[in-house]
Amino acid sequence: MTKSNHIVGLVIVLQLVACEPEKKETATTGNVFVLVGESVAPVVILQAQEFMRLYQKNGAVVTYFLVPSDSAVYRFVHDTVRMILATRPLTLQERELAEKTGRKFLEITVAYDGLLAVVHHKNAVEQITVDEIRKILTGSITRWEQLSKSGKSRGTMKILLQDSSDETSYLRQRILNGKQITARFSRMPSALRTLQQVVKDPLSIGFVSSSWLDSAKVPAKVLEVAASAGDADTTFKPPVESVGKFYSPHPANIYRNYYPMKRGIYMYTRSLFGDVGSGFGTYVANKEGQRIFLDHGLVPGTQPIRLKRQE
């Protein structure tokens, strides 16, 4: 084939490619990349999988990547990421930086969950106060018998924490009011590993999200927690009548702010109306997606709540 024939062939190929109709992105067609805060990953992954199952014939793809919520927020503010789900809201400074780009964004609180204090299933301890958790994290409490509700539990506590995680960030910011954790602790690579280690070690205590406890399906015991008088955190201020009383992280207790270690789950998106990102965001915020949150022990953030009597 001569050089001129090569050129003619190339022109024909380019013309054929140019004539192919461009696939238009819709609310159920296309690919959206989402950064997901690791501590709520199990339930958000279920949302993504169900959305893709419903619209697989259309070609809807949700590509998700798990990161600490602080990293997700940073990428949303400073990068081109269109959508994130995080366990903390943007600060005022982060909001101002995000708005300076000229690209409008939408913020929706899609659900609420609780940070759980978990122990070995044979540990005699059933209840703990926020103040006691604070003292554990600062090293003032180092033994199980120092707790007000220690029962017959004895021995040196073994604290399990995940490095650079949503859970550790919560403990620093909300329980210690921005101060560092000064107690000695064992570093865990993930919430799942924390739960697995708690099951192995009768003297351990760890902190995980309710989403991971439901996913891991291990026999760890979840402690009831009581707000303490004078707690610095007022993000979800407990009612006066609940202070000093112990509550489980049942969705009804989280909804009423009775359970003191409550978190919001925030969705931020710059997706345009009618693209697949807006389609997935709408799914998460509407009835079908909210039902998935409720079915896994979280409190829906956008749908009406009907409280049921706890058994």
Protein backbone atom coordinates (compact mmCIF):
# COMPACT_ATOMS: atom_id res chain seq x y z
CA MET A 1 0.00 0.00 0.00
CA THR A 2 1.38 3.42 -0.93
CA LYS A 3 1.73 6.32 1.41
CA SER A 4 -1.24 8.06 -0.22
CA ASN A 5 -3.41 4.98 0.38
CA HIS A 6 -2.45 5.05 4.08
CA ILE A 7 -3.59 8.67 4.27
CA VAL A 8 -6.88 7.92 2.51
CA GLY A 9 -7.50 4.99 4.86
CA LEU A 10 -6.82 7.17 7.90
CA VAL A 11 -9.22 9.83 6.66
CA ILE A 12 -11.96 7.22 6.16
CA VAL A 13 -11.47 5.87 9.71
CA LEU A 14 -11.62 9.36 11.20
CA GLN A 15 -14.77 10.11 9.26
CA LEU A 16 -16.40 6.89 10.48
CA VAL A 17 -15.51 7.66 14.10
CA ALA A 18 -16.80 11.20 13.76
CA CYS A 19 -20.10 9.91 12.41
CA GLU A 20 -20.75 7.66 15.43
CA PRO A 21 -23.37 9.22 17.68
CA GLU A 22 -21.92 10.49 20.95
CA LYS A 23 -23.34 8.69 24.00
CA LYS A 24 -25.26 11.28 25.98
CA GLU A 25 -24.99 11.16 29.77
CA THR A 26 -28.31 11.06 31.61
CA ALA A 27 -29.43 10.52 35.18
CA THR A 28 -29.17 6.74 34.63
CA THR A 29 -26.48 6.59 31.94
CA GLY A 30 -22.77 7.29 32.36
CA ASN A 31 -20.08 7.04 35.01
CA VAL A 32 -19.75 9.02 38.22
CA PHE A 33 -16.69 8.89 40.49
CA VAL A 34 -17.50 9.16 44.21
CA LEU A 35 -15.18 9.47 47.19
CA VAL A 36 -16.71 7.72 50.19
CA GLY A 37 -15.75 8.22 53.84
CA GLU A 38 -14.41 4.84 54.91
CA SER A 39 -16.45 4.54 58.10
CA VAL A 40 -19.75 4.56 56.19
CA ALA A 41 -18.43 2.54 53.26
CA PRO A 42 -20.49 -0.66 53.72
CA VAL A 43 -23.90 1.00 53.49
CA VAL A 44 -22.87 3.45 50.71
CA ILE A 45 -21.43 0.59 48.65
CA LEU A 46 -24.80 -1.14 48.96
CA GLN A 47 -26.45 2.03 47.65
CA ALA A 48 -24.08 2.15 44.66
CA GLN A 49 -24.56 -1.54 43.87
CA GLU A 50 -28.34 -1.30 44.01
CA PHE A 51 -28.37 1.83 41.82
CA MET A 52 -26.22 0.07 39.22
CA ARG A 53 -28.41 -3.04 39.39
CA LEU A 54 -31.52 -0.99 38.72
CA TYR A 55 -30.00 0.85 35.77
CA GLN A 56 -27.45 -1.62 34.42
CA LYS A 57 -29.26 -1.81 31.07
CA ASN A 58 -28.79 1.94 30.72
CA GLY A 59 -25.07 1.69 31.46
CA ALA A 60 -25.05 3.46 34.84
CA VAL A 61 -21.70 3.05 36.62
CA VAL A 62 -20.80 4.35 40.10
CA THR A 63 -17.05 4.15 40.64
CA TYR A 64 -16.29 4.62 44.32
CA PHE A 65 -13.03 4.95 46.24
CA LEU A 66 -12.75 4.71 50.03
CA VAL A 67 -10.80 7.41 51.88
CA PRO A 68 -10.93 9.16 55.27
CA SER A 69 -13.61 11.86 55.23
CA ASP A 70 -10.96 14.56 55.72
CA SER A 71 -9.31 13.43 52.47
CA ALA A 72 -12.65 13.35 50.66
CA VAL A 73 -13.42 16.90 51.76
CA TYR A 74 -9.96 18.12 50.71
CA ARG A 75 -10.33 16.58 47.26
CA PHE A 76 -13.79 18.09 46.84
CA VAL A 77 -12.60 21.56 47.81
CA HIS A 78 -9.26 21.60 45.96
CA ASP A 79 -9.71 19.09 43.15
CA THR A 80 -12.22 18.22 40.42
CA VAL A 81 -14.07 15.49 42.31
CA ARG A 82 -17.79 15.89 41.63
CA MET A 83 -19.26 13.94 44.54
CA ILE A 84 -18.30 12.84 48.05
CA LEU A 85 -20.02 11.29 51.07
CA ALA A 86 -18.35 12.24 54.33
CA THR A 87 -18.98 12.00 58.06
CA ARG A 88 -18.35 15.66 58.71
CA PRO A 89 -19.58 18.87 57.10
CA LEU A 90 -17.37 21.40 55.36
CA THR A 91 -15.94 24.02 57.68
CA LEU A 92 -16.66 27.68 56.93
CA GLN A 93 -13.17 28.08 55.43
CA GLU A 94 -13.57 24.98 53.25
CA ARG A 95 -16.97 26.19 52.09
CA GLU A 96 -15.53 29.56 51.11
CA LEU A 97 -12.69 27.89 49.18
CA ALA A 98 -15.12 25.61 47.37
CA GLU A 99 -17.32 28.56 46.40
CA LYS A 100 -14.33 30.58 45.10
CA THR A 101 -13.96 28.10 42.23
CA GLY A 102 -17.21 29.43 40.82
CA ARG A 103 -18.68 25.94 40.68
CA LYS A 104 -21.84 25.70 42.73
CA PHE A 105 -22.35 22.65 44.91
CA LEU A 106 -25.19 21.02 46.77
CA GLU A 107 -25.03 19.80 50.38
CA ILE A 108 -27.47 17.21 51.73
CA THR A 109 -27.43 15.49 55.12
CA VAL A 110 -28.48 12.06 53.88
CA ALA A 111 -28.35 10.12 57.17
CA TYR A 112 -27.19 10.00 60.78
CA ASP A 113 -25.31 7.24 62.55
CA GLY A 114 -23.53 6.66 65.83
CA LEU A 115 -19.93 6.02 66.73
CA LEU A 116 -19.90 2.81 68.78
CA ALA A 117 -17.75 1.79 71.72
CA VAL A 118 -17.24 -1.96 71.32
CA VAL A 119 -15.74 -4.57 73.65
CA HIS A 120 -15.31 -8.34 73.86
CA HIS A 121 -18.64 -10.14 74.10
CA LYS A 122 -17.67 -11.67 77.49
CA ASN A 123 -16.60 -8.34 79.02
CA ALA A 124 -18.76 -7.59 82.09
CA VAL A 125 -19.00 -3.88 81.19
CA GLU A 126 -22.32 -2.85 79.66
CA GLN A 127 -22.29 0.94 80.01
CA ILE A 128 -19.86 3.84 79.79
CA THR A 129 -20.08 7.65 79.98
CA VAL A 130 -18.66 10.15 77.50
CA ASP A 131 -16.48 11.53 80.28
CA GLU A 132 -15.04 8.05 80.90
CA ILE A 133 -14.30 7.67 77.19
CA ARG A 134 -12.51 11.03 77.35
CA LYS A 135 -10.44 9.85 80.31
CA ILE A 136 -9.58 6.61 78.52
CA LEU A 137 -8.32 8.57 75.50
CA THR A 138 -6.19 10.86 77.70
CA GLY A 139 -4.80 8.03 79.83
CA SER A 140 -6.57 9.00 83.07
CA ILE A 141 -8.41 5.68 83.01
CA THR A 142 -6.23 2.69 82.18
CA ARG A 143 -8.00 -0.22 83.90
CA TRP A 144 -11.47 -1.66 83.55
CA GLU A 145 -12.20 -1.54 87.28
CA GLN A 146 -11.86 2.27 87.21
CA LEU A 147 -15.15 2.57 85.31
CA SER A 148 -18.27 3.46 87.30
CA LYS A 149 -20.11 0.49 85.77
CA SER A 150 -17.21 -1.98 85.62
CA GLY A 151 -19.11 -4.98 86.96
CA LYS A 152 -16.61 -7.79 87.48
CA SER A 153 -14.31 -6.62 84.68
CA ARG A 154 -10.68 -6.33 85.74
CA GLY A 155 -7.37 -5.68 84.03
CA THR A 156 -5.48 -3.17 81.89
CA MET A 157 -7.45 -1.74 78.98
CA LYS A 158 -6.13 -2.22 75.45
CA ILE A 159 -7.29 0.65 73.25
CA LEU A 160 -7.67 -0.05 69.52
CA LEU A 161 -7.73 2.90 67.11
CA GLN A 162 -7.50 3.27 63.35
CA ASP A 163 -4.89 5.74 62.08
CA SER A 164 -6.18 8.74 60.06
CA SER A 165 -9.71 7.38 60.22
CA ASP A 166 -13.13 8.99 60.53
CA GLU A 167 -13.52 7.35 63.94
CA THR A 168 -10.24 8.71 65.33
CA SER A 169 -10.99 12.16 63.89
CA TYR A 170 -14.37 12.10 65.65
CA LEU A 171 -12.79 11.17 68.98
CA ARG A 172 -10.26 13.99 68.71
CA GLN A 173 -12.63 16.70 67.54
CA ARG A 174 -15.86 15.82 69.30
CA ILE A 175 -14.82 13.98 72.47
CA LEU A 176 -11.49 15.70 73.18
CA ASN A 177 -12.55 19.10 71.79
CA GLY A 178 -9.73 19.19 69.24
CA LYS A 179 -6.97 17.87 71.49
CA GLN A 180 -4.71 14.92 70.75
CA ILE A 181 -5.17 11.40 72.05
CA THR A 182 -2.43 10.92 74.65
CA ALA A 183 -3.21 7.41 75.89
CA ARG A 184 -1.23 4.48 74.55
CA PHE A 185 -3.14 2.54 71.92
CA SER A 186 -2.69 -0.19 69.32
CA ARG A 187 -2.88 0.96 65.71
CA MET A 188 -5.41 -0.87 63.57
CA PRO A 189 -5.46 -0.69 59.75
CA SER A 190 -9.27 -0.65 59.46
CA ALA A 191 -12.58 -0.78 61.30
CA LEU A 192 -12.99 -4.41 60.27
CA ARG A 193 -9.61 -5.28 61.79
CA THR A 194 -10.58 -3.43 64.98
CA LEU A 195 -13.71 -5.54 65.32
CA GLN A 196 -11.80 -8.74 64.66
CA GLN A 197 -9.23 -7.84 67.32
CA VAL A 198 -11.91 -6.93 69.88
CA VAL A 199 -13.39 -10.39 69.46
CA LYS A 200 -9.97 -11.92 70.17
CA ASP A 201 -8.96 -9.78 73.16
CA PRO A 202 -11.21 -9.73 76.28
CA LEU A 203 -9.49 -6.58 77.62
CA SER A 204 -9.78 -4.46 74.47
CA ILE A 205 -12.00 -1.53 73.57
CA GLY A 206 -12.44 -0.10 70.08
CA PHE A 207 -14.53 2.51 68.28
CA VAL A 208 -16.31 1.82 64.98
CA SER A 209 -19.32 3.03 63.04
CA SER A 210 -22.63 1.21 63.20
CA SER A 211 -22.32 0.60 59.46
CA TRP A 212 -19.20 -1.55 59.93
CA LEU A 213 -20.62 -3.48 62.88
CA ASP A 214 -23.58 -4.54 60.76
CA SER A 215 -21.29 -5.52 57.89
CA ALA A 216 -18.65 -7.40 59.92
CA LYS A 217 -21.15 -9.68 61.68
CA VAL A 218 -18.88 -10.43 64.65
CA PRO A 219 -19.97 -11.05 68.28
CA ALA A 220 -18.62 -7.77 69.65
CA LYS A 221 -20.59 -6.11 72.45
CA VAL A 222 -21.80 -2.54 71.91
CA LEU A 223 -21.78 -0.42 75.06
CA GLU A 224 -24.60 1.88 76.06
CA VAL A 225 -23.30 5.45 76.39
CA ALA A 226 -24.42 8.35 78.60
CA ALA A 227 -23.80 12.03 77.97
CA SER A 228 -21.94 13.69 80.82
CA ALA A 229 -22.81 17.06 82.31
CA GLY A 230 -20.55 19.72 80.86
CA ASP A 231 -19.58 17.84 77.68
CA ALA A 232 -17.96 20.31 75.28
CA ASP A 233 -19.49 18.84 72.12
CA THR A 234 -22.82 20.46 71.25
CA THR A 235 -23.02 19.41 67.59
CA PHE A 236 -26.05 17.28 68.39
CA LYS A 237 -26.80 18.49 71.89
CA PRO A 238 -28.53 15.82 74.01
CA PRO A 239 -31.81 16.88 75.66
CA VAL A 240 -31.45 17.77 79.33
CA GLU A 241 -33.51 14.79 80.40
CA SER A 242 -31.11 12.36 78.71
CA VAL A 243 -27.88 13.55 80.37
CA GLY A 244 -26.50 10.90 82.73
CA LYS A 245 -28.74 8.18 81.32
CA PHE A 246 -27.38 5.33 79.22
CA TYR A 247 -28.62 4.70 75.69
CA SER A 248 -27.88 2.19 72.96
CA PRO A 249 -27.22 3.41 69.39
CA HIS A 250 -30.72 2.37 68.34
CA PRO A 251 -31.94 4.59 65.46
CA ALA A 252 -34.66 6.07 67.71
CA ASN A 253 -32.04 7.15 70.28
CA ILE A 254 -29.81 8.61 67.57
CA TYR A 255 -32.74 10.48 66.02
CA ARG A 256 -33.70 12.08 69.36
CA ASN A 257 -30.06 12.89 70.26
CA TYR A 258 -30.30 10.60 73.29
CA TYR A 259 -27.30 8.60 72.10
CA PRO A 260 -24.48 11.13 72.62
CA MET A 261 -22.00 10.00 69.94
CA LYS A 262 -24.12 10.94 66.93
CA ARG A 263 -22.75 11.87 63.49
CA GLY A 264 -24.20 13.26 60.30
CA ILE A 265 -23.46 11.74 56.89
CA TYR A 266 -23.11 14.50 54.33
CA MET A 267 -23.31 14.30 50.55
CA TYR A 268 -21.65 17.06 48.53
CA THR A 269 -22.08 17.16 44.79
CA ARG A 270 -21.29 19.40 41.82
CA SER A 271 -23.07 17.07 39.40
CA LEU A 272 -25.19 18.83 36.80
CA PHE A 273 -28.92 18.34 36.66
CA GLY A 274 -29.63 15.35 34.43
CA ASP A 275 -26.22 13.64 34.61
CA VAL A 276 -25.60 10.26 36.27
CA GLY A 277 -24.13 11.93 39.35
CA SER A 278 -27.40 13.74 39.98
CA GLY A 279 -29.22 10.47 39.36
CA PHE A 280 -27.21 8.62 41.99
CA GLY A 281 -27.49 11.53 44.42
CA THR A 282 -31.26 11.59 43.97
CA TYR A 283 -31.40 7.84 44.58
CA VAL A 284 -29.44 8.13 47.85
CA ALA A 285 -31.62 11.01 49.08
CA ASN A 286 -34.97 9.55 48.05
CA LYS A 287 -37.10 6.77 49.49
CA GLU A 288 -35.23 3.77 48.06
CA GLY A 289 -31.79 4.88 49.19
CA GLN A 290 -33.05 6.08 52.56
CA ARG A 291 -34.59 2.66 53.18
CA ILE A 292 -31.13 1.09 52.80
CA PHE A 293 -29.79 3.39 55.52
CA LEU A 294 -32.66 2.47 57.84
CA ASP A 295 -32.32 -1.26 57.16
CA HIS A 296 -28.70 -1.09 58.36
CA GLY A 297 -29.28 0.75 61.62
CA LEU A 298 -28.79 4.34 60.43
CA VAL A 299 -31.29 7.19 60.62
CA PRO A 300 -32.56 8.55 57.29
CA GLY A 301 -31.74 12.21 56.84
CA THR A 302 -34.24 13.30 54.20
CA GLN A 303 -37.36 11.22 54.87
CA PRO A 304 -39.99 11.48 57.62
CA ILE A 305 -39.21 9.37 60.69
CA ARG A 306 -41.79 7.27 62.52
CA LEU A 307 -40.53 6.10 65.89
CA LYS A 308 -41.35 2.58 67.02
CA ARG A 309 -41.30 1.24 70.55
CA GLN A 310 -38.01 -0.57 71.27
CA GLU A 311 -38.39 -4.23 72.15
